N, C-alpha and C. Protein backbone atom coordinates (compact mmCIF):
# COMPACT_ATOMS: atom_id res chain seq x y z
N UNK A 1 0.97 -19.17 3.17
CA UNK A 1 1.96 -19.15 4.22
C UNK A 1 2.53 -17.74 4.35
N UNK A 2 2.69 -17.25 5.55
CA UNK A 2 3.20 -15.92 5.79
C UNK A 2 4.72 -15.97 5.72
N UNK A 3 5.28 -15.04 4.98
CA UNK A 3 6.73 -14.92 4.90
C UNK A 3 7.19 -14.11 6.10
N UNK A 4 7.90 -14.75 7.03
CA UNK A 4 8.30 -14.08 8.27
C UNK A 4 9.14 -12.84 8.03
N UNK A 5 9.90 -12.80 6.93
CA UNK A 5 10.71 -11.62 6.64
C UNK A 5 9.83 -10.41 6.33
N UNK A 6 8.63 -10.67 5.80
CA UNK A 6 7.74 -9.57 5.45
C UNK A 6 6.64 -9.34 6.48
N UNK A 7 6.62 -10.13 7.53
CA UNK A 7 5.58 -9.98 8.54
C UNK A 7 5.98 -8.86 9.49
N UNK A 8 5.09 -7.93 9.67
CA UNK A 8 5.34 -6.84 10.59
C UNK A 8 4.23 -6.86 11.62
N UNK A 9 4.57 -7.11 12.87
CA UNK A 9 3.59 -7.16 13.93
C UNK A 9 3.98 -6.13 14.98
N UNK A 10 3.20 -5.07 15.04
CA UNK A 10 3.52 -3.99 15.96
C UNK A 10 2.92 -4.19 17.35
N UNK A 11 2.32 -5.36 17.63
CA UNK A 11 1.72 -5.60 18.94
C UNK A 11 2.76 -5.51 20.05
N UNK A 12 4.02 -5.81 19.74
CA UNK A 12 5.05 -5.74 20.78
C UNK A 12 5.38 -4.30 21.14
N UNK A 13 4.99 -3.36 20.33
CA UNK A 13 5.22 -1.95 20.60
C UNK A 13 4.15 -1.47 21.58
N UNK A 14 4.53 -1.33 22.84
CA UNK A 14 3.55 -0.99 23.88
C UNK A 14 2.86 0.34 23.60
N UNK A 15 3.57 1.34 23.07
CA UNK A 15 2.94 2.62 22.79
C UNK A 15 1.82 2.47 21.77
N UNK A 16 2.08 1.69 20.73
CA UNK A 16 1.06 1.49 19.71
C UNK A 16 -0.10 0.68 20.28
N UNK A 17 0.19 -0.36 21.05
CA UNK A 17 -0.86 -1.18 21.65
C UNK A 17 -1.75 -0.34 22.56
N UNK A 18 -1.15 0.52 23.36
CA UNK A 18 -1.92 1.39 24.25
C UNK A 18 -2.72 2.41 23.46
N UNK A 19 -2.15 2.92 22.36
CA UNK A 19 -2.86 3.87 21.51
C UNK A 19 -4.10 3.22 20.90
N UNK A 20 -3.96 1.96 20.45
CA UNK A 20 -5.09 1.22 19.88
C UNK A 20 -6.17 1.03 20.93
N UNK A 21 -5.79 0.62 22.13
CA UNK A 21 -6.77 0.43 23.22
C UNK A 21 -7.49 1.73 23.53
N UNK A 22 -6.75 2.84 23.55
CA UNK A 22 -7.34 4.15 23.83
C UNK A 22 -8.35 4.52 22.74
N UNK A 23 -7.99 4.29 21.48
CA UNK A 23 -8.89 4.62 20.38
C UNK A 23 -10.16 3.77 20.44
N UNK A 24 -10.03 2.50 20.80
CA UNK A 24 -11.21 1.65 20.93
C UNK A 24 -12.14 2.16 22.02
N UNK A 25 -11.57 2.62 23.15
CA UNK A 25 -12.38 3.19 24.22
C UNK A 25 -13.08 4.47 23.76
N UNK A 26 -12.46 5.18 22.80
CA UNK A 26 -13.05 6.42 22.27
C UNK A 26 -14.12 6.13 21.21
N UNK A 27 -14.33 4.85 20.90
CA UNK A 27 -15.38 4.49 19.95
C UNK A 27 -14.90 4.19 18.54
N UNK A 28 -13.59 4.11 18.34
CA UNK A 28 -13.08 3.74 17.03
C UNK A 28 -13.47 2.30 16.71
N UNK A 29 -13.36 1.92 15.44
CA UNK A 29 -13.76 0.60 14.97
C UNK A 29 -12.50 -0.23 14.69
N UNK A 30 -12.49 -1.45 15.23
CA UNK A 30 -11.40 -2.38 14.99
C UNK A 30 -11.81 -3.28 13.82
N UNK A 31 -10.95 -3.37 12.81
CA UNK A 31 -11.29 -4.15 11.63
C UNK A 31 -10.08 -4.90 11.08
N UNK A 32 -10.36 -6.05 10.49
CA UNK A 32 -9.37 -6.85 9.77
C UNK A 32 -9.67 -6.68 8.29
N UNK A 33 -8.63 -6.54 7.48
CA UNK A 33 -8.80 -6.42 6.03
C UNK A 33 -7.79 -7.28 5.31
N UNK A 34 -8.17 -7.74 4.14
CA UNK A 34 -7.25 -8.43 3.26
C UNK A 34 -7.26 -7.69 1.93
N UNK A 35 -6.06 -7.38 1.43
CA UNK A 35 -5.93 -6.71 0.15
C UNK A 35 -5.06 -7.60 -0.74
N UNK A 36 -5.47 -7.76 -1.99
CA UNK A 36 -4.70 -8.57 -2.94
C UNK A 36 -4.42 -7.73 -4.18
N UNK A 37 -3.21 -7.87 -4.70
CA UNK A 37 -2.87 -7.25 -5.97
C UNK A 37 -2.47 -8.33 -6.94
N UNK A 38 -2.66 -8.05 -8.22
CA UNK A 38 -2.23 -8.95 -9.29
C UNK A 38 -1.40 -8.10 -10.24
N UNK A 39 -0.18 -8.55 -10.54
CA UNK A 39 0.72 -7.80 -11.42
C UNK A 39 1.41 -8.77 -12.37
N UNK A 40 2.10 -8.21 -13.37
CA UNK A 40 2.75 -9.05 -14.36
C UNK A 40 4.15 -9.48 -13.95
N UNK A 41 4.70 -8.88 -12.88
CA UNK A 41 5.99 -9.32 -12.35
C UNK A 41 5.90 -9.44 -10.83
N UNK A 42 6.79 -10.23 -10.25
CA UNK A 42 6.83 -10.36 -8.79
C UNK A 42 7.16 -9.02 -8.15
N UNK A 43 8.14 -8.32 -8.70
CA UNK A 43 8.54 -7.02 -8.14
C UNK A 43 7.40 -6.02 -8.15
N UNK A 44 6.65 -5.99 -9.24
CA UNK A 44 5.52 -5.07 -9.34
C UNK A 44 4.44 -5.42 -8.31
N UNK A 45 4.20 -6.72 -8.13
CA UNK A 45 3.20 -7.14 -7.13
C UNK A 45 3.62 -6.70 -5.74
N UNK A 46 4.87 -6.94 -5.40
CA UNK A 46 5.38 -6.60 -4.07
C UNK A 46 5.38 -5.08 -3.85
N UNK A 47 6.00 -4.35 -4.77
CA UNK A 47 6.15 -2.91 -4.56
C UNK A 47 4.82 -2.17 -4.60
N UNK A 48 3.93 -2.57 -5.50
CA UNK A 48 2.64 -1.87 -5.57
C UNK A 48 1.82 -2.09 -4.30
N UNK A 49 1.85 -3.30 -3.76
CA UNK A 49 1.09 -3.57 -2.54
C UNK A 49 1.70 -2.82 -1.35
N UNK A 50 3.02 -2.81 -1.26
CA UNK A 50 3.67 -2.07 -0.17
C UNK A 50 3.36 -0.58 -0.24
N UNK A 51 3.38 0.00 -1.44
CA UNK A 51 3.05 1.43 -1.61
C UNK A 51 1.59 1.69 -1.26
N UNK A 52 0.73 0.77 -1.66
CA UNK A 52 -0.71 0.90 -1.39
C UNK A 52 -0.97 0.94 0.12
N UNK A 53 -0.31 0.05 0.86
CA UNK A 53 -0.48 0.00 2.32
C UNK A 53 0.12 1.25 2.96
N UNK A 54 1.25 1.73 2.47
CA UNK A 54 1.86 2.96 3.01
C UNK A 54 0.93 4.16 2.83
N UNK A 55 0.29 4.25 1.66
CA UNK A 55 -0.68 5.34 1.44
C UNK A 55 -1.83 5.23 2.44
N UNK A 56 -2.30 4.01 2.65
CA UNK A 56 -3.40 3.79 3.58
C UNK A 56 -2.99 4.18 5.00
N UNK A 57 -1.74 3.85 5.38
CA UNK A 57 -1.24 4.21 6.71
C UNK A 57 -1.19 5.72 6.92
N UNK A 58 -1.03 6.48 5.85
CA UNK A 58 -0.91 7.93 5.98
C UNK A 58 -2.27 8.63 6.11
N UNK A 59 -3.34 7.89 5.97
CA UNK A 59 -4.69 8.47 6.10
C UNK A 59 -4.95 8.91 7.54
N UNK A 60 -5.56 10.08 7.69
CA UNK A 60 -6.01 10.51 9.01
C UNK A 60 -7.13 9.59 9.47
N UNK A 61 -7.17 9.31 10.75
CA UNK A 61 -8.24 8.48 11.31
C UNK A 61 -8.05 6.99 11.07
N UNK A 62 -6.81 6.57 10.73
CA UNK A 62 -6.53 5.16 10.48
C UNK A 62 -5.23 4.78 11.18
N UNK A 63 -5.27 3.70 11.93
CA UNK A 63 -4.05 3.14 12.51
C UNK A 63 -3.99 1.67 12.07
N UNK A 64 -2.92 1.33 11.36
CA UNK A 64 -2.69 -0.07 11.00
C UNK A 64 -1.69 -0.59 12.02
N UNK A 65 -2.10 -1.57 12.81
CA UNK A 65 -1.21 -2.04 13.86
C UNK A 65 -0.63 -3.42 13.59
N UNK A 66 -1.13 -4.11 12.59
CA UNK A 66 -0.54 -5.39 12.19
C UNK A 66 -0.60 -5.51 10.67
N UNK A 67 0.52 -5.90 10.06
CA UNK A 67 0.59 -6.16 8.62
C UNK A 67 1.24 -7.53 8.43
N UNK A 68 0.58 -8.37 7.66
CA UNK A 68 1.15 -9.68 7.33
C UNK A 68 1.15 -9.84 5.82
N UNK A 69 2.31 -9.67 5.21
CA UNK A 69 2.45 -9.86 3.77
C UNK A 69 2.69 -11.35 3.51
N UNK A 70 1.87 -11.92 2.66
CA UNK A 70 2.00 -13.33 2.31
C UNK A 70 3.00 -13.49 1.16
N UNK A 71 3.42 -14.73 0.94
CA UNK A 71 4.31 -15.02 -0.18
C UNK A 71 3.60 -14.69 -1.49
N UNK A 72 4.38 -14.26 -2.46
CA UNK A 72 3.84 -13.98 -3.79
C UNK A 72 3.63 -15.31 -4.51
N UNK A 73 2.47 -15.41 -5.18
CA UNK A 73 2.13 -16.64 -5.88
C UNK A 73 2.01 -16.38 -7.38
N UNK A 74 2.56 -17.29 -8.15
CA UNK A 74 2.42 -17.24 -9.60
C UNK A 74 1.04 -17.75 -9.96
N UNK A 75 0.36 -17.04 -10.88
CA UNK A 75 -1.00 -17.39 -11.28
C UNK A 75 -1.01 -17.56 -12.80
N UNK A 76 -1.47 -18.72 -13.25
CA UNK A 76 -1.57 -19.01 -14.68
C UNK A 76 -2.87 -18.42 -15.23
N UNK A 77 -2.80 -17.74 -16.35
CA UNK A 77 -3.97 -17.19 -17.06
C UNK A 77 -4.91 -16.41 -16.13
N UNK A 78 -4.41 -15.41 -15.42
CA UNK A 78 -5.27 -14.70 -14.47
C UNK A 78 -6.33 -13.82 -15.15
N UNK A 79 -6.04 -13.36 -16.36
CA UNK A 79 -6.95 -12.49 -17.10
C UNK A 79 -6.89 -12.85 -18.58
N UNK A 80 -7.91 -12.49 -19.33
CA UNK A 80 -7.82 -12.72 -20.78
C UNK A 80 -6.57 -12.03 -21.35
N UNK A 81 -5.88 -12.70 -22.19
CA UNK A 81 -4.66 -12.22 -22.86
C UNK A 81 -3.48 -11.99 -21.91
N UNK A 82 -3.56 -12.52 -20.68
CA UNK A 82 -2.44 -12.48 -19.74
C UNK A 82 -2.15 -13.92 -19.34
N UNK A 83 -0.99 -14.43 -19.79
CA UNK A 83 -0.70 -15.84 -19.55
C UNK A 83 -0.19 -16.12 -18.14
N UNK A 84 0.55 -15.17 -17.56
CA UNK A 84 1.10 -15.37 -16.22
C UNK A 84 0.99 -14.07 -15.43
N UNK A 85 0.59 -14.18 -14.18
CA UNK A 85 0.54 -13.04 -13.28
C UNK A 85 1.09 -13.43 -11.93
N UNK A 86 1.24 -12.44 -11.07
CA UNK A 86 1.75 -12.68 -9.73
C UNK A 86 0.82 -11.99 -8.73
N UNK A 87 0.37 -12.78 -7.76
CA UNK A 87 -0.57 -12.31 -6.75
C UNK A 87 0.16 -12.11 -5.43
N UNK A 88 -0.12 -10.99 -4.78
CA UNK A 88 0.42 -10.74 -3.45
C UNK A 88 -0.73 -10.30 -2.55
N UNK A 89 -0.73 -10.83 -1.35
CA UNK A 89 -1.81 -10.57 -0.39
C UNK A 89 -1.21 -10.03 0.90
N UNK A 90 -1.92 -9.07 1.50
CA UNK A 90 -1.56 -8.58 2.82
C UNK A 90 -2.81 -8.63 3.69
N UNK A 91 -2.62 -9.05 4.94
CA UNK A 91 -3.69 -8.97 5.93
C UNK A 91 -3.35 -7.82 6.87
N UNK A 92 -4.33 -6.98 7.16
CA UNK A 92 -4.13 -5.82 8.01
C UNK A 92 -5.10 -5.86 9.18
N UNK A 93 -4.61 -5.46 10.33
CA UNK A 93 -5.49 -5.21 11.47
C UNK A 93 -5.40 -3.71 11.72
N UNK A 94 -6.56 -3.09 11.81
CA UNK A 94 -6.64 -1.63 11.88
C UNK A 94 -7.62 -1.18 12.95
N UNK A 95 -7.48 0.06 13.32
CA UNK A 95 -8.56 0.78 13.99
C UNK A 95 -8.81 2.03 13.17
N UNK A 96 -10.09 2.33 12.97
CA UNK A 96 -10.47 3.49 12.18
C UNK A 96 -11.44 4.35 12.98
N UNK A 97 -11.38 5.65 12.72
CA UNK A 97 -12.10 6.64 13.53
C UNK A 97 -13.61 6.41 13.57
N UNK A 98 -14.20 6.06 12.42
CA UNK A 98 -15.65 5.89 12.38
C UNK A 98 -16.05 5.07 11.16
N UNK A 99 -17.34 4.81 11.04
CA UNK A 99 -17.83 3.99 9.95
C UNK A 99 -17.63 4.68 8.60
N UNK A 100 -17.76 5.98 8.57
CA UNK A 100 -17.53 6.75 7.35
C UNK A 100 -16.10 6.50 6.83
N UNK A 101 -15.12 6.51 7.72
CA UNK A 101 -13.74 6.27 7.32
C UNK A 101 -13.55 4.84 6.84
N UNK A 102 -14.23 3.88 7.45
CA UNK A 102 -14.15 2.49 7.01
C UNK A 102 -14.71 2.34 5.59
N UNK A 103 -15.82 2.98 5.32
CA UNK A 103 -16.40 2.96 3.97
C UNK A 103 -15.43 3.62 2.99
N UNK A 104 -14.83 4.74 3.38
CA UNK A 104 -13.84 5.43 2.56
C UNK A 104 -12.69 4.49 2.20
N UNK A 105 -12.18 3.74 3.20
CA UNK A 105 -11.10 2.80 2.94
C UNK A 105 -11.54 1.71 1.97
N UNK A 106 -12.76 1.23 2.13
CA UNK A 106 -13.28 0.20 1.23
C UNK A 106 -13.35 0.72 -0.21
N UNK A 107 -13.78 1.96 -0.38
CA UNK A 107 -13.93 2.52 -1.72
C UNK A 107 -12.59 2.91 -2.35
N UNK A 108 -11.64 3.34 -1.56
CA UNK A 108 -10.40 3.89 -2.10
C UNK A 108 -9.20 2.94 -2.06
N UNK A 109 -9.29 1.88 -1.26
CA UNK A 109 -8.18 0.94 -1.15
C UNK A 109 -8.57 -0.48 -1.54
N UNK A 110 -9.83 -0.69 -1.85
CA UNK A 110 -10.37 -1.92 -2.44
C UNK A 110 -9.91 -3.21 -1.78
N UNK A 111 -10.09 -3.33 -0.46
CA UNK A 111 -9.77 -4.63 0.13
C UNK A 111 -10.71 -5.70 -0.43
N UNK A 112 -10.17 -6.92 -0.51
CA UNK A 112 -10.98 -8.04 -0.98
C UNK A 112 -12.01 -8.43 0.07
N UNK A 113 -11.67 -8.19 1.33
CA UNK A 113 -12.55 -8.56 2.43
C UNK A 113 -12.29 -7.65 3.62
N UNK A 114 -13.35 -7.34 4.34
CA UNK A 114 -13.27 -6.55 5.58
C UNK A 114 -14.10 -7.26 6.62
N UNK A 115 -13.55 -7.39 7.82
CA UNK A 115 -14.30 -7.94 8.94
C UNK A 115 -14.23 -6.94 10.08
N UNK A 116 -15.39 -6.51 10.56
CA UNK A 116 -15.44 -5.62 11.72
C UNK A 116 -15.31 -6.48 12.97
N UNK A 117 -14.27 -6.24 13.76
CA UNK A 117 -14.00 -7.04 14.95
C UNK A 117 -14.62 -6.43 16.20
N UNK A 118 -14.61 -5.12 16.29
CA UNK A 118 -15.21 -4.40 17.43
C UNK A 118 -15.68 -3.05 16.93
N UNK A 119 -16.73 -2.53 17.44
CA UNK A 119 -17.66 -3.06 18.44
C UNK A 119 -18.66 -4.01 17.80
N UNK A 120 -19.45 -4.64 18.62
CA UNK A 120 -20.47 -5.56 18.13
C UNK A 120 -21.64 -4.86 17.46
N UNK A 121 -21.85 -3.59 17.79
CA UNK A 121 -22.94 -2.80 17.22
C UNK A 121 -22.41 -1.42 16.92
N UNK A 122 -22.75 -0.89 15.74
CA UNK A 122 -22.30 0.44 15.33
C UNK A 122 -23.52 1.31 15.10
N UNK A 123 -23.52 2.47 15.73
CA UNK A 123 -24.58 3.45 15.51
C UNK A 123 -23.96 4.67 14.87
N UNK A 124 -24.64 5.21 13.85
CA UNK A 124 -24.14 6.42 13.22
C UNK A 124 -25.26 7.45 13.18
N UNK A 125 -24.85 8.70 13.26
CA UNK A 125 -25.87 9.75 13.21
C UNK A 125 -26.20 10.06 11.74
N UNK A 126 -27.23 10.84 11.53
CA UNK A 126 -27.70 11.13 10.17
C UNK A 126 -26.62 11.85 9.35
N UNK A 127 -25.85 12.73 9.98
CA UNK A 127 -24.80 13.45 9.26
C UNK A 127 -23.73 12.51 8.73
N UNK A 128 -23.32 11.52 9.53
CA UNK A 128 -22.32 10.56 9.08
C UNK A 128 -22.90 9.68 7.97
N UNK A 129 -24.15 9.25 8.13
CA UNK A 129 -24.80 8.43 7.10
C UNK A 129 -24.90 9.21 5.80
N UNK A 130 -25.23 10.49 5.89
CA UNK A 130 -25.31 11.34 4.70
C UNK A 130 -23.95 11.46 4.03
N UNK A 131 -22.91 11.62 4.81
CA UNK A 131 -21.56 11.69 4.26
C UNK A 131 -21.19 10.42 3.51
N UNK A 132 -21.58 9.27 4.07
CA UNK A 132 -21.27 7.99 3.44
C UNK A 132 -21.98 7.86 2.09
N UNK A 133 -23.26 8.13 2.05
CA UNK A 133 -23.97 7.96 0.79
C UNK A 133 -23.53 8.98 -0.25
N UNK A 134 -23.15 10.18 0.18
CA UNK A 134 -22.61 11.16 -0.75
C UNK A 134 -21.25 10.71 -1.30
N UNK A 135 -20.43 10.08 -0.47
CA UNK A 135 -19.14 9.56 -0.94
C UNK A 135 -19.35 8.48 -1.99
N UNK A 136 -20.31 7.61 -1.76
CA UNK A 136 -20.61 6.55 -2.73
C UNK A 136 -21.13 7.16 -4.04
N UNK A 137 -22.03 8.13 -3.93
CA UNK A 137 -22.55 8.79 -5.13
C UNK A 137 -21.43 9.48 -5.90
N UNK A 138 -20.51 10.11 -5.19
CA UNK A 138 -19.37 10.77 -5.84
C UNK A 138 -18.51 9.76 -6.59
N UNK A 139 -18.28 8.61 -5.99
CA UNK A 139 -17.47 7.58 -6.64
C UNK A 139 -18.15 7.07 -7.91
N UNK A 140 -19.45 6.86 -7.87
CA UNK A 140 -20.19 6.43 -9.05
C UNK A 140 -20.06 7.48 -10.16
N UNK A 141 -20.14 8.75 -9.81
CA UNK A 141 -20.01 9.83 -10.80
C UNK A 141 -18.60 9.89 -11.38
N UNK A 142 -17.59 9.63 -10.56
CA UNK A 142 -16.21 9.59 -11.06
C UNK A 142 -16.03 8.45 -12.05
N UNK A 143 -16.60 7.28 -11.76
CA UNK A 143 -16.54 6.16 -12.69
C UNK A 143 -17.21 6.55 -14.01
N UNK A 144 -18.38 7.16 -13.93
CA UNK A 144 -19.10 7.54 -15.14
C UNK A 144 -18.30 8.57 -15.95
N UNK A 145 -17.72 9.55 -15.28
CA UNK A 145 -16.93 10.58 -15.97
C UNK A 145 -15.70 9.99 -16.64
N UNK A 146 -15.14 8.93 -16.05
CA UNK A 146 -13.97 8.28 -16.63
C UNK A 146 -14.36 7.26 -17.71
N UNK A 147 -15.66 7.06 -17.90
CA UNK A 147 -16.12 6.12 -18.92
C UNK A 147 -15.97 4.67 -18.53
N UNK A 148 -15.87 4.40 -17.22
CA UNK A 148 -15.68 3.01 -16.77
C UNK A 148 -16.83 2.52 -15.90
N UNK A 149 -17.92 3.22 -15.90
CA UNK A 149 -19.04 2.75 -15.10
C UNK A 149 -20.10 3.83 -14.99
N UNK A 150 -20.95 3.65 -14.05
CA UNK A 150 -22.06 4.57 -13.85
C UNK A 150 -23.30 3.77 -13.57
N UNK A 151 -24.41 4.44 -13.64
CA UNK A 151 -25.68 3.81 -13.37
C UNK A 151 -26.50 3.79 -14.64
N UNK A 152 -27.07 2.65 -14.96
CA UNK A 152 -27.96 2.54 -16.11
C UNK A 152 -29.36 2.89 -15.62
N UNK A 153 -29.94 3.91 -16.24
CA UNK A 153 -31.29 4.33 -15.85
C UNK A 153 -32.28 3.60 -16.75
N UNK A 154 -33.20 2.90 -16.11
CA UNK A 154 -34.20 2.14 -16.86
C UNK A 154 -35.46 2.96 -17.02
N UNK A 155 -36.07 2.83 -18.20
CA UNK A 155 -37.32 3.59 -18.42
C UNK A 155 -38.51 2.69 -18.35
């Protein structure tokens, strides 16, 4: 259930609505995302998710025009050695400059789910595709350098 006190719908803002329409005509991508956080306190769940969305809003090439923060839910035994946690979910409607930026958001903001709403078909040039795969390779190398992942090479 959406908590109306935390629901922010900017569709009534005509300037923002017109800006979104203009960006879509320019070829931007309209997408819906859901992001979930799990924390050990309700306050931590709420504040961390709000900060996370604010950072995302500050990204160049991203317009978040609808935010729906859901009620925080208590979760029993969410992780090993954690008896109680608190989950908070936000649904976002966005427009992003290009597919590269959408992939960047997926890698850096970890939405649980992304749905591309418009356009029905996306074409990218070789330079943008190269940028995307290099970003993914960079992320894998950062995981490996931090000791939390990488690629296992089979012989």
